[in-house]
Amino acid sequence: MEAVFAGRPSYMKDVYDEVVTHLRSSGPVHEDAVTVGVFLKAERKIAEVRPLVRSLRVWLLLPREVAGRRCVKATAEFWAVDLRFTEAEVSDDVRALLDEAYDAAS
């Protein structure tokens, strides 16, 4: 896991840790480190976390499109909601989306 965030701004790992901690408050979370980032899973995939040059991107998989957020159709049943972080702050509305994504993946 550390290799994913090596050489990246510290806020990226801080956001990642906060996201995982929040998701774990709902139940078990499997972290799968891959070349491009980390996949977070319960029974199904919850999110993809990808460190980028200027931000940390978190794609949450939700069963609906979220107004006011960039969303793409990921599968017949799920939308990928694009969350971008440029500082170590996870808002309450993002926490609510994390809860919804965990429930959808369980």
N, C-alpha and C. Protein backbone atom coordinates (compact mmCIF):
# COMPACT_ATOMS: atom_id res chain seq x y z
N MET A 1 0.82 -1.20 0.00
CA MET A 1 0.00 0.00 0.00
C MET A 1 0.86 1.26 0.00
N GLU A 2 1.92 1.22 0.75
CA GLU A 2 2.78 2.40 0.85
C GLU A 2 3.36 2.78 -0.50
N ALA A 3 3.62 1.80 -1.36
CA ALA A 3 4.20 2.09 -2.68
C ALA A 3 3.26 2.94 -3.53
N VAL A 4 1.96 2.77 -3.36
CA VAL A 4 0.97 3.53 -4.12
C VAL A 4 1.10 5.03 -3.84
N PHE A 5 1.43 5.37 -2.61
CA PHE A 5 1.49 6.78 -2.20
C PHE A 5 2.92 7.31 -2.07
N ALA A 6 3.92 6.49 -2.38
CA ALA A 6 5.31 6.92 -2.29
C ALA A 6 5.56 8.08 -3.25
N GLY A 7 6.18 9.12 -2.74
CA GLY A 7 6.50 10.28 -3.57
C GLY A 7 5.32 11.19 -3.86
N ARG A 8 4.19 10.93 -3.25
CA ARG A 8 2.98 11.73 -3.45
C ARG A 8 2.81 12.70 -2.28
N PRO A 9 2.06 13.78 -2.47
CA PRO A 9 1.78 14.69 -1.35
C PRO A 9 1.10 13.93 -0.21
N SER A 10 1.42 14.31 1.02
CA SER A 10 0.92 13.58 2.19
C SER A 10 -0.60 13.61 2.32
N TYR A 11 -1.27 14.66 1.79
CA TYR A 11 -2.72 14.72 1.91
C TYR A 11 -3.39 13.54 1.22
N MET A 12 -2.75 12.99 0.16
CA MET A 12 -3.36 11.87 -0.56
C MET A 12 -3.50 10.65 0.35
N LYS A 13 -2.46 10.32 1.09
CA LYS A 13 -2.52 9.19 2.01
C LYS A 13 -3.47 9.51 3.16
N ASP A 14 -3.51 10.76 3.60
CA ASP A 14 -4.43 11.16 4.67
C ASP A 14 -5.89 10.96 4.24
N VAL A 15 -6.23 11.38 3.02
CA VAL A 15 -7.59 11.19 2.50
C VAL A 15 -7.88 9.71 2.38
N TYR A 16 -6.95 8.95 1.82
CA TYR A 16 -7.13 7.51 1.67
C TYR A 16 -7.42 6.87 3.03
N ASP A 17 -6.61 7.19 4.03
CA ASP A 17 -6.81 6.62 5.36
C ASP A 17 -8.18 6.99 5.93
N GLU A 18 -8.60 8.22 5.72
CA GLU A 18 -9.91 8.64 6.23
C GLU A 18 -11.04 7.92 5.51
N VAL A 19 -10.91 7.75 4.20
CA VAL A 19 -11.93 7.02 3.42
C VAL A 19 -12.04 5.58 3.91
N VAL A 20 -10.90 4.91 4.04
CA VAL A 20 -10.92 3.50 4.47
C VAL A 20 -11.45 3.37 5.90
N THR A 21 -11.03 4.24 6.78
CA THR A 21 -11.53 4.21 8.15
C THR A 21 -13.04 4.40 8.19
N HIS A 22 -13.53 5.35 7.41
CA HIS A 22 -14.98 5.57 7.39
C HIS A 22 -15.71 4.35 6.83
N LEU A 23 -15.22 3.79 5.74
CA LEU A 23 -15.86 2.60 5.17
C LEU A 23 -15.86 1.45 6.16
N ARG A 24 -14.78 1.28 6.89
CA ARG A 24 -14.70 0.18 7.87
C ARG A 24 -15.67 0.36 9.03
N SER A 25 -16.18 1.54 9.22
CA SER A 25 -17.20 1.73 10.26
C SER A 25 -18.50 1.04 9.85
N SER A 26 -18.63 0.71 8.55
CA SER A 26 -19.81 -0.01 8.06
C SER A 26 -19.59 -1.52 7.99
N GLY A 27 -18.33 -1.95 7.97
CA GLY A 27 -18.04 -3.37 7.87
C GLY A 27 -16.66 -3.60 7.27
N PRO A 28 -16.34 -4.87 6.95
CA PRO A 28 -15.01 -5.19 6.43
C PRO A 28 -14.77 -4.59 5.03
N VAL A 29 -13.53 -4.18 4.82
CA VAL A 29 -13.12 -3.62 3.54
C VAL A 29 -11.81 -4.30 3.13
N HIS A 30 -11.79 -4.83 1.91
CA HIS A 30 -10.57 -5.42 1.36
C HIS A 30 -9.87 -4.38 0.51
N GLU A 31 -8.56 -4.18 0.73
CA GLU A 31 -7.76 -3.23 -0.03
C GLU A 31 -6.90 -4.02 -1.01
N ASP A 32 -7.03 -3.72 -2.29
CA ASP A 32 -6.29 -4.41 -3.33
C ASP A 32 -5.42 -3.39 -4.06
N ALA A 33 -4.12 -3.33 -3.69
CA ALA A 33 -3.20 -2.39 -4.34
C ALA A 33 -2.85 -2.92 -5.73
N VAL A 34 -3.02 -2.06 -6.72
CA VAL A 34 -2.69 -2.38 -8.11
C VAL A 34 -1.78 -1.28 -8.64
N THR A 35 -1.32 -1.42 -9.85
CA THR A 35 -0.37 -0.46 -10.42
C THR A 35 -0.89 0.96 -10.40
N VAL A 36 -2.16 1.17 -10.68
CA VAL A 36 -2.71 2.53 -10.81
C VAL A 36 -3.26 3.10 -9.51
N GLY A 37 -3.35 2.29 -8.45
CA GLY A 37 -3.92 2.78 -7.20
C GLY A 37 -4.37 1.65 -6.32
N VAL A 38 -5.54 1.82 -5.70
CA VAL A 38 -6.08 0.82 -4.78
C VAL A 38 -7.56 0.62 -5.08
N PHE A 39 -7.97 -0.63 -5.18
CA PHE A 39 -9.38 -0.97 -5.30
C PHE A 39 -9.87 -1.34 -3.90
N LEU A 40 -11.00 -0.78 -3.51
CA LEU A 40 -11.61 -1.07 -2.21
C LEU A 40 -12.86 -1.90 -2.45
N LYS A 41 -12.98 -3.01 -1.72
CA LYS A 41 -14.07 -3.95 -1.97
C LYS A 41 -14.71 -4.41 -0.67
N ALA A 42 -16.01 -4.67 -0.74
CA ALA A 42 -16.75 -5.41 0.28
C ALA A 42 -17.08 -6.72 -0.43
N GLU A 43 -18.36 -7.03 -0.63
CA GLU A 43 -18.70 -8.19 -1.46
C GLU A 43 -18.45 -7.87 -2.93
N ARG A 44 -18.60 -6.59 -3.29
CA ARG A 44 -18.33 -6.08 -4.64
C ARG A 44 -17.42 -4.88 -4.49
N LYS A 45 -16.98 -4.35 -5.61
CA LYS A 45 -16.11 -3.18 -5.57
C LYS A 45 -16.88 -1.97 -5.05
N ILE A 46 -16.27 -1.26 -4.11
CA ILE A 46 -16.83 -0.03 -3.55
C ILE A 46 -16.29 1.18 -4.29
N ALA A 47 -14.96 1.18 -4.48
CA ALA A 47 -14.30 2.37 -5.02
C ALA A 47 -12.95 2.03 -5.62
N GLU A 48 -12.46 2.94 -6.45
CA GLU A 48 -11.09 2.92 -6.93
C GLU A 48 -10.45 4.22 -6.49
N VAL A 49 -9.26 4.11 -5.91
CA VAL A 49 -8.52 5.29 -5.45
C VAL A 49 -7.27 5.40 -6.31
N ARG A 50 -7.11 6.55 -6.98
CA ARG A 50 -5.99 6.72 -7.90
C ARG A 50 -5.27 8.05 -7.65
N PRO A 51 -4.02 7.98 -7.20
CA PRO A 51 -3.24 9.21 -7.07
C PRO A 51 -2.90 9.74 -8.46
N LEU A 52 -3.17 11.00 -8.69
CA LEU A 52 -2.85 11.66 -9.95
C LEU A 52 -1.80 12.74 -9.68
N VAL A 53 -1.37 13.41 -10.71
CA VAL A 53 -0.33 14.44 -10.55
C VAL A 53 -0.81 15.57 -9.65
N ARG A 54 -2.03 16.07 -9.86
CA ARG A 54 -2.52 17.24 -9.13
C ARG A 54 -3.64 16.97 -8.14
N SER A 55 -4.09 15.72 -8.05
CA SER A 55 -5.19 15.42 -7.14
C SER A 55 -5.25 13.92 -6.86
N LEU A 56 -6.07 13.58 -5.89
CA LEU A 56 -6.39 12.18 -5.61
C LEU A 56 -7.79 11.95 -6.14
N ARG A 57 -7.93 10.99 -7.03
CA ARG A 57 -9.24 10.67 -7.60
C ARG A 57 -9.80 9.44 -6.90
N VAL A 58 -11.05 9.55 -6.48
CA VAL A 58 -11.78 8.42 -5.91
C VAL A 58 -13.02 8.22 -6.76
N TRP A 59 -13.11 7.06 -7.40
CA TRP A 59 -14.32 6.68 -8.14
C TRP A 59 -15.16 5.82 -7.21
N LEU A 60 -16.33 6.30 -6.84
CA LEU A 60 -17.26 5.51 -6.02
C LEU A 60 -18.29 4.86 -6.93
N LEU A 61 -18.60 3.62 -6.68
CA LEU A 61 -19.63 2.92 -7.46
C LEU A 61 -20.95 3.00 -6.71
N LEU A 62 -21.91 3.66 -7.34
CA LEU A 62 -23.23 3.86 -6.74
C LEU A 62 -24.32 3.39 -7.70
N PRO A 63 -25.48 3.01 -7.17
CA PRO A 63 -26.57 2.55 -8.04
C PRO A 63 -27.36 3.68 -8.67
N ARG A 64 -26.87 4.91 -8.54
CA ARG A 64 -27.58 6.05 -9.11
C ARG A 64 -26.59 7.13 -9.53
N GLU A 65 -27.04 7.99 -10.38
CA GLU A 65 -26.27 9.16 -10.76
C GLU A 65 -26.41 10.20 -9.65
N VAL A 66 -25.35 10.94 -9.37
CA VAL A 66 -25.36 11.94 -8.30
C VAL A 66 -25.34 13.33 -8.93
N ALA A 67 -26.38 14.11 -8.68
CA ALA A 67 -26.47 15.46 -9.23
C ALA A 67 -25.32 16.31 -8.71
N GLY A 68 -24.76 17.11 -9.60
CA GLY A 68 -23.69 18.01 -9.21
C GLY A 68 -22.31 17.37 -9.17
N ARG A 69 -22.21 16.11 -9.51
CA ARG A 69 -20.93 15.38 -9.54
C ARG A 69 -20.74 14.77 -10.92
N ARG A 70 -19.50 14.69 -11.34
CA ARG A 70 -19.21 14.01 -12.61
C ARG A 70 -19.45 12.52 -12.41
N CYS A 71 -20.30 11.95 -13.25
CA CYS A 71 -20.65 10.54 -13.17
C CYS A 71 -20.57 9.91 -14.55
N VAL A 72 -20.16 8.67 -14.61
CA VAL A 72 -20.18 7.90 -15.85
C VAL A 72 -20.83 6.56 -15.56
N LYS A 73 -21.52 6.04 -16.55
CA LYS A 73 -22.17 4.74 -16.40
C LYS A 73 -21.09 3.67 -16.41
N ALA A 74 -20.93 2.96 -15.31
CA ALA A 74 -19.87 1.96 -15.17
C ALA A 74 -20.33 0.57 -15.61
N THR A 75 -21.55 0.21 -15.24
CA THR A 75 -22.15 -1.08 -15.62
C THR A 75 -23.63 -0.82 -15.83
N ALA A 76 -24.37 -1.87 -16.14
CA ALA A 76 -25.81 -1.71 -16.32
C ALA A 76 -26.48 -1.25 -15.02
N GLU A 77 -25.88 -1.58 -13.88
CA GLU A 77 -26.49 -1.27 -12.58
C GLU A 77 -25.83 -0.12 -11.83
N PHE A 78 -24.60 0.24 -12.18
CA PHE A 78 -23.85 1.18 -11.36
C PHE A 78 -23.29 2.36 -12.13
N TRP A 79 -23.22 3.48 -11.43
CA TRP A 79 -22.58 4.70 -11.89
C TRP A 79 -21.26 4.85 -11.14
N ALA A 80 -20.24 5.35 -11.82
CA ALA A 80 -18.98 5.72 -11.16
C ALA A 80 -19.03 7.22 -10.93
N VAL A 81 -18.94 7.60 -9.67
CA VAL A 81 -18.99 9.01 -9.27
C VAL A 81 -17.57 9.47 -9.01
N ASP A 82 -17.15 10.51 -9.70
CA ASP A 82 -15.78 11.01 -9.64
C ASP A 82 -15.63 12.03 -8.52
N LEU A 83 -14.83 11.69 -7.52
CA LEU A 83 -14.52 12.62 -6.43
C LEU A 83 -13.04 12.98 -6.54
N ARG A 84 -12.74 14.26 -6.47
CA ARG A 84 -11.34 14.72 -6.55
C ARG A 84 -10.97 15.43 -5.26
N PHE A 85 -9.80 15.12 -4.76
CA PHE A 85 -9.30 15.75 -3.54
C PHE A 85 -7.97 16.42 -3.82
N THR A 86 -7.84 17.66 -3.35
CA THR A 86 -6.59 18.39 -3.47
C THR A 86 -6.08 18.82 -2.09
N GLU A 87 -6.78 18.38 -1.07
CA GLU A 87 -6.37 18.62 0.31
C GLU A 87 -6.97 17.53 1.17
N ALA A 88 -6.50 17.44 2.40
CA ALA A 88 -6.93 16.36 3.30
C ALA A 88 -8.21 16.72 4.02
N GLU A 89 -9.28 16.86 3.26
CA GLU A 89 -10.58 17.15 3.88
C GLU A 89 -11.65 16.30 3.20
N VAL A 90 -12.30 15.46 4.00
CA VAL A 90 -13.41 14.63 3.51
C VAL A 90 -14.67 15.18 4.15
N SER A 91 -15.56 15.72 3.33
CA SER A 91 -16.76 16.39 3.83
C SER A 91 -17.84 15.39 4.24
N ASP A 92 -18.84 15.90 4.95
CA ASP A 92 -19.96 15.05 5.37
C ASP A 92 -20.74 14.50 4.19
N ASP A 93 -20.88 15.28 3.11
CA ASP A 93 -21.61 14.76 1.95
C ASP A 93 -20.83 13.64 1.28
N VAL A 94 -19.51 13.70 1.30
CA VAL A 94 -18.70 12.59 0.77
C VAL A 94 -18.83 11.38 1.68
N ARG A 95 -18.85 11.58 2.98
CA ARG A 95 -19.05 10.45 3.90
C ARG A 95 -20.39 9.76 3.65
N ALA A 96 -21.42 10.54 3.37
CA ALA A 96 -22.73 9.96 3.05
C ALA A 96 -22.66 9.13 1.77
N LEU A 97 -21.92 9.61 0.77
CA LEU A 97 -21.75 8.84 -0.47
C LEU A 97 -20.95 7.57 -0.21
N LEU A 98 -19.95 7.64 0.66
CA LEU A 98 -19.19 6.44 1.03
C LEU A 98 -20.11 5.40 1.67
N ASP A 99 -20.98 5.84 2.56
CA ASP A 99 -21.94 4.92 3.19
C ASP A 99 -22.83 4.26 2.15
N GLU A 100 -23.31 5.06 1.21
CA GLU A 100 -24.18 4.53 0.16
C GLU A 100 -23.43 3.53 -0.72
N ALA A 101 -22.17 3.83 -1.05
CA ALA A 101 -21.37 2.93 -1.88
C ALA A 101 -21.10 1.62 -1.15
N TYR A 102 -20.82 1.69 0.15
CA TYR A 102 -20.60 0.47 0.92
C TYR A 102 -21.86 -0.39 0.93
N ASP A 103 -22.99 0.23 1.20
CA ASP A 103 -24.26 -0.51 1.23
C ASP A 103 -24.53 -1.18 -0.13
N ALA A 104 -24.24 -0.47 -1.21
CA ALA A 104 -24.48 -1.02 -2.55
C ALA A 104 -23.55 -2.18 -2.87
N ALA A 105 -22.37 -2.18 -2.26
CA ALA A 105 -21.38 -3.23 -2.52
C ALA A 105 -21.54 -4.43 -1.58
N SER A 106 -22.44 -4.34 -0.64
CA SER A 106 -22.61 -5.41 0.35
C SER A 106 -23.82 -6.26 0.05
